[in-house]
């Protein structure tokens, strides 16, 4: 992104960053209740079309207009198994430094202190989708932990296990991390506007690598914001009307 704009919201920054992380992707799938990842995928598609680049296919579960699947998750899993999904998003109640995610709950299974919705194929998709972006807005030691209480989906696998997919990056409300699969470790790529590297370190429960000078996450430029506030917000309203209205409020306040 270039010619950075000065007035943008944190949500707009996250959406623009997701679009950058998806650059080069042909087919991205987005699970239900994921408005920010969905907006990032839509922004990538709109940006590619504006630049005359390769078309991007988007599959958003729960959407009628932006989903060519007719049988929900069943077709998504089949498509991913055939190597026809290039990127997907996963989150978790807990994410640890080895990129393991926990969607089951806290405490010792099966007597968890807190229960979450469950895995719903997350482990399968983590194994077969080449570019999995971990996304969680909350950045705190209770979410980003040293070791998850339960491994719903492992970030890496032992030698000899066939695996084409895995974590590519971790994006939160404070920062962006890259993941090194060989070293099984995150590295801090950038911090968002108004955030310091020291603050990220205090709010992160796992160890990670950090450059001597941590850059700021690139701001969305004027062309990106125009697409996001216009076409993308309009498309997003079909599946996420309340979130689209929130984005409109963000743009008015910026």
Protein backbone atom coordinates (compact mmCIF):
# COMPACT_ATOMS: atom_id res chain seq x y z
CA UNK A 1 0.00 0.00 0.00
CA UNK A 2 1.24 3.50 -0.80
CA UNK A 3 0.22 7.12 -0.31
CA UNK A 4 -1.04 6.28 3.15
CA UNK A 5 -4.15 8.05 4.39
CA UNK A 6 -4.07 9.55 7.87
CA UNK A 7 -7.72 9.06 8.84
CA UNK A 8 -8.71 5.43 9.20
CA UNK A 9 -10.16 3.25 11.91
CA UNK A 10 -8.61 0.19 13.55
CA UNK A 11 -11.16 -2.03 11.81
CA UNK A 12 -10.26 -0.53 8.44
CA UNK A 13 -6.58 -1.19 9.13
CA UNK A 14 -7.31 -4.85 9.98
CA UNK A 15 -9.37 -5.30 6.81
CA UNK A 16 -6.69 -3.71 4.62
CA UNK A 17 -3.99 -5.82 6.28
CA UNK A 18 -5.98 -8.99 5.60
CA UNK A 19 -6.29 -8.02 1.94
CA UNK A 20 -2.50 -7.67 1.80
CA UNK A 21 -2.01 -11.06 3.49
CA UNK A 22 -4.26 -12.62 0.84
CA UNK A 23 -2.37 -11.11 -2.10
CA UNK A 24 -1.90 -13.68 -4.87
CA UNK A 25 -4.73 -15.91 -3.66
CA UNK A 26 -7.24 -17.26 -6.20
CA UNK A 27 -9.87 -18.76 -3.87
CA UNK A 28 -10.41 -17.71 -0.26
CA UNK A 29 -13.03 -19.23 2.01
CA UNK A 30 -14.41 -17.50 5.08
CA UNK A 31 -16.35 -19.18 7.89
CA UNK A 32 -19.57 -17.93 9.42
CA UNK A 33 -19.56 -14.93 11.78
CA UNK A 34 -16.30 -13.54 10.37
CA UNK A 35 -17.09 -10.03 9.09
CA UNK A 36 -13.56 -8.61 9.19
CA UNK A 37 -11.97 -11.52 7.26
CA UNK A 38 -14.91 -11.42 4.83
CA UNK A 39 -14.36 -7.70 4.28
CA UNK A 40 -10.64 -8.31 3.70
CA UNK A 41 -11.40 -10.93 1.06
CA UNK A 42 -13.90 -8.62 -0.64
CA UNK A 43 -11.36 -5.80 -0.59
CA UNK A 44 -8.78 -8.02 -2.28
CA UNK A 45 -11.30 -8.92 -4.98
CA UNK A 46 -12.29 -5.29 -5.57
CA UNK A 47 -8.66 -4.15 -5.59
CA UNK A 48 -7.62 -6.84 -8.06
CA UNK A 49 -10.45 -5.92 -10.40
CA UNK A 50 -9.55 -2.23 -10.19
CA UNK A 51 -5.94 -3.09 -11.08
CA UNK A 52 -6.84 -5.54 -13.84
CA UNK A 53 -5.32 -8.45 -11.95
CA UNK A 54 -6.43 -12.09 -11.62
CA UNK A 55 -9.99 -12.62 -10.45
CA UNK A 56 -10.49 -13.75 -6.84
CA UNK A 57 -13.18 -16.25 -5.89
CA UNK A 58 -14.70 -15.79 -2.44
CA UNK A 59 -16.76 -18.35 -0.52
CA UNK A 60 -18.39 -16.89 2.59
CA UNK A 61 -20.38 -19.44 4.56
CA UNK A 62 -23.78 -18.00 5.39
CA UNK A 63 -23.87 -15.74 2.35
CA UNK A 64 -26.13 -16.35 -0.64
CA UNK A 65 -24.51 -13.79 -2.92
CA UNK A 66 -20.85 -14.50 -2.13
CA UNK A 67 -20.82 -18.30 -1.88
CA UNK A 68 -20.99 -20.81 -4.72
CA UNK A 69 -21.38 -23.74 -2.30
CA UNK A 70 -24.91 -25.11 -1.96
CA UNK A 71 -24.32 -27.52 0.91
CA UNK A 72 -22.34 -25.41 3.36
CA UNK A 73 -19.39 -26.97 5.14
CA UNK A 74 -19.61 -30.32 3.33
CA UNK A 75 -18.67 -28.80 -0.01
CA UNK A 76 -16.09 -26.54 1.63
CA UNK A 77 -14.29 -29.56 3.09
CA UNK A 78 -14.43 -31.42 -0.23
CA UNK A 79 -13.09 -28.40 -2.10
CA UNK A 80 -10.28 -27.92 0.43
CA UNK A 81 -9.34 -31.61 0.26
CA UNK A 82 -8.96 -31.28 -3.51
CA UNK A 83 -6.54 -28.38 -3.06
CA UNK A 84 -9.00 -25.82 -4.41
CA UNK A 85 -9.08 -23.50 -1.38
CA UNK A 86 -5.98 -21.34 -1.13
CA UNK A 87 -6.68 -19.44 2.08
CA UNK A 88 -8.88 -19.69 5.17
CA UNK A 89 -9.16 -18.01 8.58
CA UNK A 90 -9.05 -19.62 11.99
CA UNK A 91 -9.27 -18.19 15.47
CA UNK A 92 -9.55 -19.63 18.94
CA UNK A 93 -10.37 -18.98 22.53
CA UNK A 94 -6.66 -19.65 23.01
CA UNK A 95 -3.73 -19.49 20.57
CA UNK A 96 -0.24 -20.44 21.70
CA UNK A 97 3.29 -19.74 20.51
CA UNK A 98 3.38 -22.90 18.39
CA UNK A 99 0.21 -21.76 16.56
CA UNK A 100 -1.93 -24.41 18.23
CA UNK A 101 -5.54 -23.28 18.66
CA UNK A 102 -8.12 -24.18 21.30
CA UNK A 103 -11.83 -24.04 20.45
CA UNK A 104 -12.98 -26.43 23.20
CA UNK A 105 -12.58 -24.51 26.47
CA UNK A 106 -10.35 -23.72 29.42
CA UNK A 107 -9.33 -26.18 32.09
CA UNK A 108 -8.94 -29.95 31.83
CA UNK A 109 -11.10 -31.72 29.25
CA UNK A 110 -13.83 -32.97 29.61
CA UNK A 111 -14.41 -31.07 32.86
CA UNK A 112 -13.72 -27.65 31.36
CA UNK A 113 -14.20 -24.54 33.44
CA UNK A 114 -15.41 -22.70 30.32
CA UNK A 115 -16.77 -24.35 27.16
CA UNK A 116 -16.55 -22.90 23.67
CA UNK A 117 -18.47 -23.89 20.51
CA UNK A 118 -16.09 -26.66 19.36
CA UNK A 119 -13.81 -27.45 16.43
CA UNK A 120 -16.18 -27.85 13.43
CA UNK A 121 -13.52 -29.14 11.04
CA UNK A 122 -10.85 -26.63 12.03
CA UNK A 123 -8.16 -29.32 12.37
CA UNK A 124 -8.94 -30.67 8.91
CA UNK A 125 -8.79 -27.25 7.25
CA UNK A 126 -5.60 -26.40 9.16
CA UNK A 127 -3.98 -29.45 7.55
CA UNK A 128 -5.05 -28.91 3.94
CA UNK A 129 -5.38 -25.15 3.28
CA UNK A 130 -1.96 -23.71 2.33
CA UNK A 131 -2.42 -20.20 3.74
CA UNK A 132 -4.27 -20.15 7.06
CA UNK A 133 -4.46 -16.75 8.69
CA UNK A 134 -5.04 -16.79 12.43
CA UNK A 135 -7.24 -13.87 13.36
CA UNK A 136 -8.36 -12.73 16.79
CA UNK A 137 -9.18 -9.13 17.65
CA UNK A 138 -8.55 -9.52 21.38
CA UNK A 139 -4.83 -9.41 22.11
CA UNK A 140 -4.30 -10.39 25.74
CA UNK A 141 -2.44 -13.00 27.81
CA UNK A 142 -5.68 -14.94 28.32
CA UNK A 143 -6.03 -15.45 24.54
CA UNK A 144 -2.38 -15.59 23.42
CA UNK A 145 -1.10 -18.18 25.88
CA UNK A 146 2.15 -20.06 26.39
CA UNK A 147 0.38 -23.40 25.85
CA UNK A 148 -3.27 -24.03 24.99
CA UNK A 149 -5.33 -26.05 27.47
CA UNK A 150 -6.62 -28.24 24.64
CA UNK A 151 -5.28 -28.64 21.10
CA UNK A 152 -8.26 -28.37 18.79
CA UNK A 153 -5.98 -27.97 15.78
CA UNK A 154 -2.16 -28.22 15.83
CA UNK A 155 -0.07 -25.53 14.24
CA UNK A 156 2.61 -27.96 13.08
CA UNK A 157 3.02 -31.71 12.66
CA UNK A 158 5.78 -34.21 13.27
CA UNK A 159 8.06 -35.32 10.38
CA UNK A 160 6.48 -37.95 8.17
CA UNK A 161 2.96 -36.59 8.50
CA UNK A 162 1.58 -35.38 5.19
CA UNK A 163 0.40 -31.82 5.55
CA UNK A 164 -0.03 -29.19 2.85
CA UNK A 165 -1.63 -26.55 5.08
CA UNK A 166 -0.82 -24.55 8.14
CA UNK A 167 -0.45 -21.12 9.74
CA UNK A 168 0.81 -18.23 7.65
CA UNK A 169 0.32 -15.25 9.99
CA UNK A 170 -1.43 -14.07 13.14
CA UNK A 171 -3.31 -10.78 13.10
CA UNK A 172 -4.74 -9.10 16.20
CA UNK A 173 -5.96 -5.66 17.20
CA UNK A 174 -2.42 -4.73 18.24
CA UNK A 175 0.00 -6.37 15.83
CA UNK A 176 0.85 -8.67 12.95
CA UNK A 177 3.00 -11.78 13.39
CA UNK A 178 4.57 -14.14 10.84
CA UNK A 179 4.89 -17.85 11.61
CA UNK A 180 8.01 -19.92 10.92
CA UNK A 181 6.86 -23.52 10.46
CA UNK A 182 10.38 -24.95 10.64
CA UNK A 183 11.10 -23.25 13.96
CA UNK A 184 7.50 -23.52 15.22
CA UNK A 185 7.64 -19.93 16.37
CA UNK A 186 6.08 -16.55 15.69
CA UNK A 187 7.98 -13.39 14.84
CA UNK A 188 6.60 -9.88 15.21
CA UNK A 189 6.27 -8.25 11.78
CA UNK A 190 4.66 -4.93 12.73
CA UNK A 191 2.65 -3.06 15.34
CA UNK A 192 -0.44 -1.02 14.53
CA UNK A 193 -0.65 2.75 14.76
CA UNK A 194 -0.50 3.95 18.37
CA UNK A 195 0.86 0.63 19.66
CA UNK A 196 4.40 0.00 20.92
CA UNK A 197 6.43 -3.20 20.73
CA UNK A 198 6.68 -3.13 24.53
CA UNK A 199 2.89 -3.09 24.82
CA UNK A 200 2.61 -6.09 22.49
CA UNK A 201 5.19 -7.94 24.59
CA UNK A 202 3.24 -7.25 27.81
CA UNK A 203 -0.03 -8.42 26.29
CA UNK A 204 1.34 -11.64 24.77
CA UNK A 205 1.53 -14.82 26.83
CA UNK A 206 3.98 -16.67 24.57
CA UNK A 207 7.56 -15.97 23.51
CA UNK A 208 8.29 -14.75 19.98
CA UNK A 209 11.06 -13.19 17.92
CA UNK A 210 11.26 -9.46 17.38
CA UNK A 211 13.43 -7.29 15.10
CA UNK A 212 15.62 -4.60 16.61
CA UNK A 213 13.34 -1.97 15.10
CA UNK A 214 9.68 -2.92 14.79
CA UNK A 215 7.89 -1.19 11.89
CA UNK A 216 4.34 0.13 11.95
CA UNK A 217 1.70 -1.81 10.05
CA UNK A 218 1.23 -0.03 6.68
CA UNK A 219 -1.79 2.27 6.64
CA UNK A 220 -4.45 1.85 3.95
CA UNK A 221 -4.02 4.33 1.12
CA UNK A 222 -6.77 6.58 -0.23
CA UNK A 223 -7.69 4.21 -3.08
CA UNK A 224 -8.02 1.30 -0.66
CA UNK A 225 -10.21 3.30 1.70
CA UNK A 226 -12.41 4.41 -1.19
CA UNK A 227 -13.02 0.79 -2.22
CA UNK A 228 -13.56 -0.30 1.38
CA UNK A 229 -15.98 2.50 2.25
CA UNK A 230 -17.87 2.17 -1.03
CA UNK A 231 -18.13 -1.12 -2.88
CA UNK A 232 -16.89 -3.43 -0.11
CA UNK A 233 -19.18 -2.06 2.60
CA UNK A 234 -22.10 -2.34 0.21
CA UNK A 235 -21.28 -5.98 -0.61
CA UNK A 236 -20.71 -6.79 3.04
CA UNK A 237 -24.21 -5.58 3.99
CA UNK A 238 -25.79 -8.65 2.34
CA UNK A 239 -24.28 -10.99 4.94
CA UNK A 240 -23.33 -8.64 7.79
CA UNK A 241 -25.71 -5.64 7.75
CA UNK A 242 -24.93 -4.52 11.32
CA UNK A 243 -21.19 -4.70 10.79
CA UNK A 244 -21.51 -2.80 7.49
CA UNK A 245 -23.31 -0.05 9.37
CA UNK A 246 -20.53 -0.03 11.96
CA UNK A 247 -17.97 0.44 9.17
CA UNK A 248 -19.99 3.35 7.83
CA UNK A 249 -19.88 4.89 11.28
CA UNK A 250 -16.11 4.36 11.41
CA UNK A 251 -15.62 6.15 8.11
CA UNK A 252 -17.76 9.09 9.18
CA UNK A 253 -15.79 9.43 12.41
CA UNK A 254 -12.36 9.14 10.72
